[in-house]
Protein backbone atom coordinates (compact mmCIF):
# COMPACT_ATOMS: atom_id res chain seq x y z
CA MET A 1 -18.86 -42.28 -15.99
CA LYS A 2 -18.91 -38.43 -16.39
CA LYS A 3 -15.96 -37.12 -18.33
CA VAL A 4 -13.90 -34.49 -16.58
CA LYS A 5 -13.37 -31.22 -18.39
CA CYS A 6 -10.09 -29.10 -18.54
CA TYR A 7 -9.85 -26.31 -16.05
CA MET A 8 -9.35 -23.85 -18.90
CA CYS A 9 -11.66 -25.06 -21.60
CA ASP A 10 -14.40 -27.48 -22.53
CA ARG A 11 -12.06 -30.15 -23.84
CA GLU A 12 -11.88 -33.40 -22.11
CA ALA A 13 -9.01 -33.60 -19.43
CA THR A 14 -6.46 -36.13 -20.30
CA THR A 15 -3.86 -35.19 -17.69
CA ARG A 16 -3.31 -33.06 -14.55
CA GLU A 17 -1.37 -29.85 -14.46
CA HIS A 18 0.48 -28.27 -11.65
CA VAL A 19 -0.57 -24.81 -10.60
CA PRO A 20 1.73 -23.04 -10.27
CA PRO A 21 4.05 -25.07 -12.63
CA LEU A 22 6.33 -27.75 -10.95
CA CYS A 23 9.49 -26.03 -12.09
CA LEU A 24 8.94 -23.08 -9.79
CA PHE A 25 9.49 -25.34 -6.72
CA PRO A 26 13.14 -26.28 -5.94
CA ALA A 27 13.90 -29.92 -6.43
CA VAL A 28 15.15 -32.03 -3.61
CA LYS A 29 18.38 -32.76 -5.44
CA ASP A 30 19.21 -29.07 -5.23
CA THR A 31 18.03 -28.53 -1.66
CA LYS A 32 19.81 -31.60 -0.27
CA GLY A 33 16.71 -33.04 1.34
CA VAL A 34 14.34 -30.02 1.88
CA ASN A 35 11.28 -30.90 0.20
CA PHE A 36 9.46 -27.87 -1.47
CA ARG A 37 7.33 -30.11 -3.65
CA LYS A 38 4.91 -31.68 -1.11
CA ASN A 39 1.16 -31.47 -1.52
CA LEU A 40 1.34 -29.45 -4.73
CA ILE A 41 -1.87 -28.37 -6.40
CA THR A 42 -2.93 -30.22 -9.56
CA VAL A 43 -6.10 -29.59 -11.69
CA PRO A 44 -7.49 -31.59 -14.70
CA SER A 45 -6.13 -30.41 -17.99
CA CYS A 46 -6.28 -31.14 -21.72
CA ASP A 47 -2.98 -31.57 -23.63
CA ILE A 48 -3.11 -28.05 -25.00
CA HIS A 49 -3.22 -26.47 -21.64
CA ASN A 50 -0.57 -28.65 -20.08
CA SER A 51 2.17 -30.31 -22.02
CA LYS A 52 2.28 -27.87 -24.76
CA LYS A 53 3.11 -24.87 -22.62
CA SER A 54 6.38 -26.21 -21.00
CA ASP A 55 8.30 -23.35 -22.60
CA ASP A 56 5.95 -20.83 -20.90
CA ASP A 57 6.49 -22.59 -17.54
CA GLU A 58 10.26 -22.20 -17.85
CA PHE A 59 9.95 -18.64 -18.97
CA LEU A 60 7.79 -17.94 -15.85
CA MET A 61 10.41 -19.58 -13.62
CA LEU A 62 13.33 -17.57 -15.12
CA SER A 63 11.26 -14.32 -14.79
CA LEU A 64 10.18 -14.84 -11.25
CA SER A 65 13.16 -16.40 -9.70
CA GLY A 66 15.46 -13.58 -10.72
CA LEU A 67 13.59 -10.72 -8.82
CA ILE A 68 15.98 -8.94 -6.52
CA LYS A 69 13.47 -8.64 -3.57
CA ASN A 70 12.96 -12.42 -3.57
CA ASN A 71 13.41 -14.43 -0.37
CA ILE A 72 16.24 -16.89 0.16
CA VAL A 73 14.37 -19.65 -1.60
CA GLY A 74 13.80 -17.60 -4.77
CA ASN A 75 17.51 -16.57 -4.71
CA PHE A 76 18.49 -20.19 -4.30
CA GLN A 77 16.23 -21.37 -7.34
CA GLN A 78 17.87 -18.62 -9.43
CA LEU A 79 21.40 -19.79 -8.58
CA THR A 80 20.58 -23.39 -9.27
CA LYS A 81 17.80 -24.40 -11.55
CA ALA A 82 17.46 -20.99 -13.27
CA ASN A 83 21.21 -20.69 -14.04
CA ARG A 84 21.31 -24.26 -15.40
CA ALA A 85 18.51 -23.48 -17.76
CA LEU A 86 20.18 -20.25 -18.96
CA LYS A 87 23.40 -22.11 -19.73
CA ARG A 88 21.48 -24.27 -22.15
CA LYS A 89 20.30 -21.16 -24.00
CA ASN A 90 22.09 -18.97 -26.42
CA LYS A 91 23.57 -15.79 -25.18
CA ASN A 92 20.75 -13.58 -26.47
CA PHE A 93 17.93 -15.60 -24.84
CA ILE A 94 17.37 -13.12 -21.91
CA GLU A 95 17.14 -10.14 -24.31
CA LYS A 96 14.78 -11.92 -26.74
CA GLN A 97 12.58 -13.83 -24.30
CA VAL A 98 12.76 -12.44 -20.76
CA LEU A 99 13.88 -8.89 -20.66
CA ARG A 100 13.91 -6.27 -23.39
CA ASN A 101 16.70 -3.67 -23.41
CA HIS A 102 18.61 -6.08 -21.11
CA LYS A 103 21.78 -4.91 -19.17
CA PHE A 104 23.85 -6.20 -16.30
CA TYR A 105 24.53 -4.23 -13.30
CA LYS A 106 26.58 -4.78 -10.09
CA ILE A 107 25.06 -3.86 -6.82
CA LYS A 108 26.44 -4.09 -3.33
CA SER A 109 24.52 -6.51 -1.00
CA THR A 110 24.08 -6.15 2.74
CA ASP A 111 27.02 -8.42 3.48
CA GLY A 112 29.31 -6.02 1.40
CA LYS A 113 29.62 -8.25 -1.52
CA PHE A 114 28.82 -7.28 -5.02
CA ARG A 115 26.03 -9.09 -6.92
CA THR A 116 25.37 -9.03 -10.68
CA ILE A 117 21.73 -8.28 -11.53
CA SER A 118 19.79 -8.09 -14.78
CA VAL A 119 17.83 -4.89 -15.55
CA GLY A 120 15.35 -4.46 -18.41
CA ASN A 121 11.76 -4.24 -19.52
CA PRO A 122 9.94 -7.51 -18.67
CA ASN A 123 7.77 -9.27 -21.24
CA THR A 124 4.51 -8.41 -19.43
CA GLU A 125 2.27 -9.89 -22.10
CA ARG A 126 3.73 -13.37 -21.80
CA LEU A 127 3.96 -12.96 -17.95
CA SER A 128 0.36 -12.13 -17.73
CA ASN A 129 -0.58 -15.06 -20.01
CA CYS A 130 1.32 -17.40 -17.75
CA LEU A 131 -0.18 -16.09 -14.57
CA LYS A 132 -3.75 -16.20 -16.01
CA HIS A 133 -3.35 -19.89 -16.48
CA ILE A 134 -2.43 -20.21 -12.79
CA ALA A 135 -5.36 -18.02 -11.82
CA TYR A 136 -7.79 -20.23 -13.72
CA GLY A 137 -6.24 -23.21 -12.04
CA LEU A 138 -6.59 -21.99 -8.57
CA TYR A 139 -10.21 -20.90 -9.28
CA PHE A 140 -10.95 -24.41 -10.24
CA GLU A 141 -9.18 -25.73 -7.13
CA GLU A 142 -11.25 -23.37 -4.83
CA PHE A 143 -14.62 -23.69 -6.45
CA LYS A 144 -14.45 -26.99 -8.19
CA GLU A 145 -15.50 -25.55 -11.51
CA SER A 146 -13.99 -23.71 -14.43
CA PHE A 147 -14.18 -19.93 -14.44
CA LYS A 148 -16.54 -18.40 -16.95
CA GLY A 149 -16.35 -14.62 -17.21
CA GLU A 150 -13.86 -11.73 -17.27
CA LEU A 151 -10.63 -11.87 -15.56
CA GLU A 152 -8.62 -8.60 -14.67
CA MET A 153 -5.05 -8.69 -13.50
CA PHE A 154 -2.43 -6.33 -11.95
CA LEU A 155 1.28 -7.22 -11.65
CA GLY A 156 2.44 -5.88 -8.36
CA PHE A 157 6.03 -6.78 -8.86
CA ILE A 158 6.54 -4.47 -12.02
CA GLU A 159 7.96 -0.97 -11.59
CA TYR A 160 5.79 1.40 -13.83
CA SER A 161 6.95 4.61 -15.22
CA ASN A 162 3.47 6.04 -14.96
CA LYS A 163 2.97 7.60 -11.47
CA ASN A 164 -0.85 6.65 -11.35
CA MET A 165 0.04 2.98 -12.00
CA GLN A 166 2.56 3.02 -9.21
CA THR A 167 0.18 4.53 -6.84
CA PHE A 168 -2.62 2.15 -7.89
CA LYS A 169 -0.27 -0.69 -7.27
CA LYS A 170 0.20 0.48 -3.58
CA TYR A 171 -3.48 1.06 -3.25
CA ILE A 172 -4.31 -2.60 -4.37
CA LYS A 173 -1.59 -4.06 -2.10
CA LYS A 174 -3.01 -2.02 0.83
CA GLY A 175 -6.40 -3.54 0.10
CA PHE A 176 -5.09 -7.00 0.11
CA ASP A 177 -2.98 -6.46 3.28
CA ILE A 178 -6.21 -5.31 5.09
CA GLU A 179 -7.94 -8.50 3.99
CA LYS A 180 -4.94 -10.60 5.29
CA GLU A 181 -5.34 -8.89 8.60
CA LEU A 182 -8.99 -9.94 8.66
CA ASN A 183 -7.69 -13.51 8.76
CA ARG A 184 -8.77 -14.43 5.14
CA GLU A 185 -7.32 -17.94 4.72
CA ILE A 186 -3.87 -17.99 3.19
CA LYS A 187 -3.36 -21.19 0.99
CA GLY A 188 -0.45 -23.15 -0.27
CA ASN A 189 1.60 -25.77 1.43
CA ASN A 190 4.91 -24.34 0.44
CA PRO A 191 4.52 -20.64 1.26
CA ALA A 192 8.28 -19.91 0.86
CA VAL A 193 7.75 -20.65 -2.82
CA PHE A 194 4.15 -19.75 -3.35
CA TYR A 195 0.84 -18.94 -1.56
CA TYR A 196 -2.52 -17.46 -2.54
CA GLN A 197 -5.52 -15.81 -0.89
CA PHE A 198 -9.13 -15.50 -2.08
CA HIS A 199 -11.45 -12.69 -1.04
CA GLU A 200 -15.22 -13.03 -0.34
CA PRO A 201 -17.38 -11.68 -3.16
CA ASP A 202 -17.77 -7.90 -2.91
CA ASN A 203 -21.14 -6.14 -3.34
CA PHE A 204 -20.82 -6.40 -7.11
CA GLY A 205 -20.20 -10.17 -7.06
CA LEU A 206 -16.36 -9.79 -7.93
CA ILE A 207 -13.97 -12.10 -6.30
CA GLY A 208 -10.36 -10.86 -5.64
CA MET A 209 -7.37 -13.01 -5.30
CA ARG A 210 -3.56 -12.42 -4.60
CA MET A 211 -0.79 -14.83 -5.51
CA VAL A 212 2.73 -14.39 -4.12
CA PHE A 213 5.92 -16.04 -5.38
CA TYR A 214 9.18 -16.29 -3.41
CA GLY A 215 7.86 -13.88 -0.76
CA ALA A 216 8.05 -10.93 -3.13
CA ALA A 217 6.25 -11.17 -6.49
CA GLU A 218 2.73 -10.41 -6.02
CA ALA A 219 -0.03 -10.53 -8.68
CA TYR A 220 -3.59 -9.36 -8.14
CA PHE A 221 -6.71 -10.69 -9.84
CA SER A 222 -10.48 -9.84 -10.08
CA PHE A 223 -12.69 -12.53 -11.19
CA LYS A 224 -16.01 -11.17 -12.67
CA GLY A 225 -18.40 -14.04 -13.29
CA LYS A 226 -21.18 -13.99 -15.82
CA ASN A 227 -23.84 -13.14 -13.26
CA ALA A 228 -21.76 -10.34 -11.58
CA GLU A 229 -22.75 -6.80 -11.93
CA LYS A 230 -20.72 -4.32 -13.67
CA PRO A 231 -18.89 -2.40 -10.94
CA PHE A 232 -18.96 1.30 -10.58
CA ASP A 233 -16.89 3.44 -8.30
CA LEU A 234 -17.04 7.21 -8.47
CA ALA A 235 -13.44 7.77 -7.24
CA THR A 236 -12.05 5.34 -9.83
CA ALA A 237 -14.16 6.99 -12.68
CA LEU A 238 -12.78 10.43 -11.69
CA MET A 239 -9.29 8.94 -11.60
CA LEU A 240 -9.61 7.39 -15.15
CA GLU A 241 -10.88 10.80 -16.44
CA GLY A 242 -7.66 12.46 -15.33
CA ILE A 243 -9.09 14.37 -12.41
CA LYS A 244 -7.15 14.77 -9.27
CA THR A 245 -8.57 12.08 -6.98
CA THR A 246 -7.83 11.01 -3.36
CA MET A 247 -8.68 7.50 -2.26
CA GLU A 248 -8.27 6.37 1.30
CA LEU A 249 -7.78 2.97 2.79
CA ASP A 250 -7.48 2.42 6.53
CA GLY A 251 -6.28 5.98 7.18
CA GLU A 252 -3.76 5.96 4.29
CA LYS A 253 -4.24 8.42 1.37
CA PHE A 254 -3.52 7.62 -2.23
CA ILE A 255 -3.51 10.62 -4.59
CA PHE A 256 -3.95 10.19 -8.36
CA ASN A 257 -3.39 12.62 -11.18
CA ASP A 258 -1.56 14.96 -8.89
CA GLU A 259 0.65 17.23 -11.01
CA GLU A 260 2.46 18.56 -7.90
CA SER A 261 3.80 15.21 -6.79
């Protein structure tokens, strides 16, 4: 019998891993019967890429469930499972592990009540590492083989101080929204918690993917396989050189390196 390899490496698979992690999906005991854990995706995994990253899974759940723009399911997960997890931690856990320069603020919600929120600088390196594992898992699920090549990632739910980064975030989102309108298949049996969408390979052989958590947290990926061409786009090259550049998608203009804005 042929041995099955891990979705992330060439080690033999000894178990199966949930992608995304199981802890992101509200448990039935909290939802009083609503099942958000039906038909979840699992992929073959070695011990290193599954059981030994439980701390990262919890970190991801705490980071994503606390976003202010989340849907009601994300807010519910933050008020139940996330809050229970935080109560088990020491008082400096958020500052040390989740948000740098952490502060609490109170904001007024649409119902007139005040809500306490956390503000700070997210641990983007750890976030990216967690999402990278999910991206590799979804690639395995989609194409039935592990990904070999270069993976680029952009976190759409992060607010950047750099104007170009903020504009680029809007540009990428617009591109994926156009693809969504072209009826690219949206996958994920529990879309209120998580769904994802692969693009067809572009003319360079790159494959795009978007994943969305709790209706708000979007992350964008580009898979460049070993046989894909090195992409070149003149507008992108000019932008990276610091030259004022305008890109247009579906009639909407995105201006980079604009000192007047």
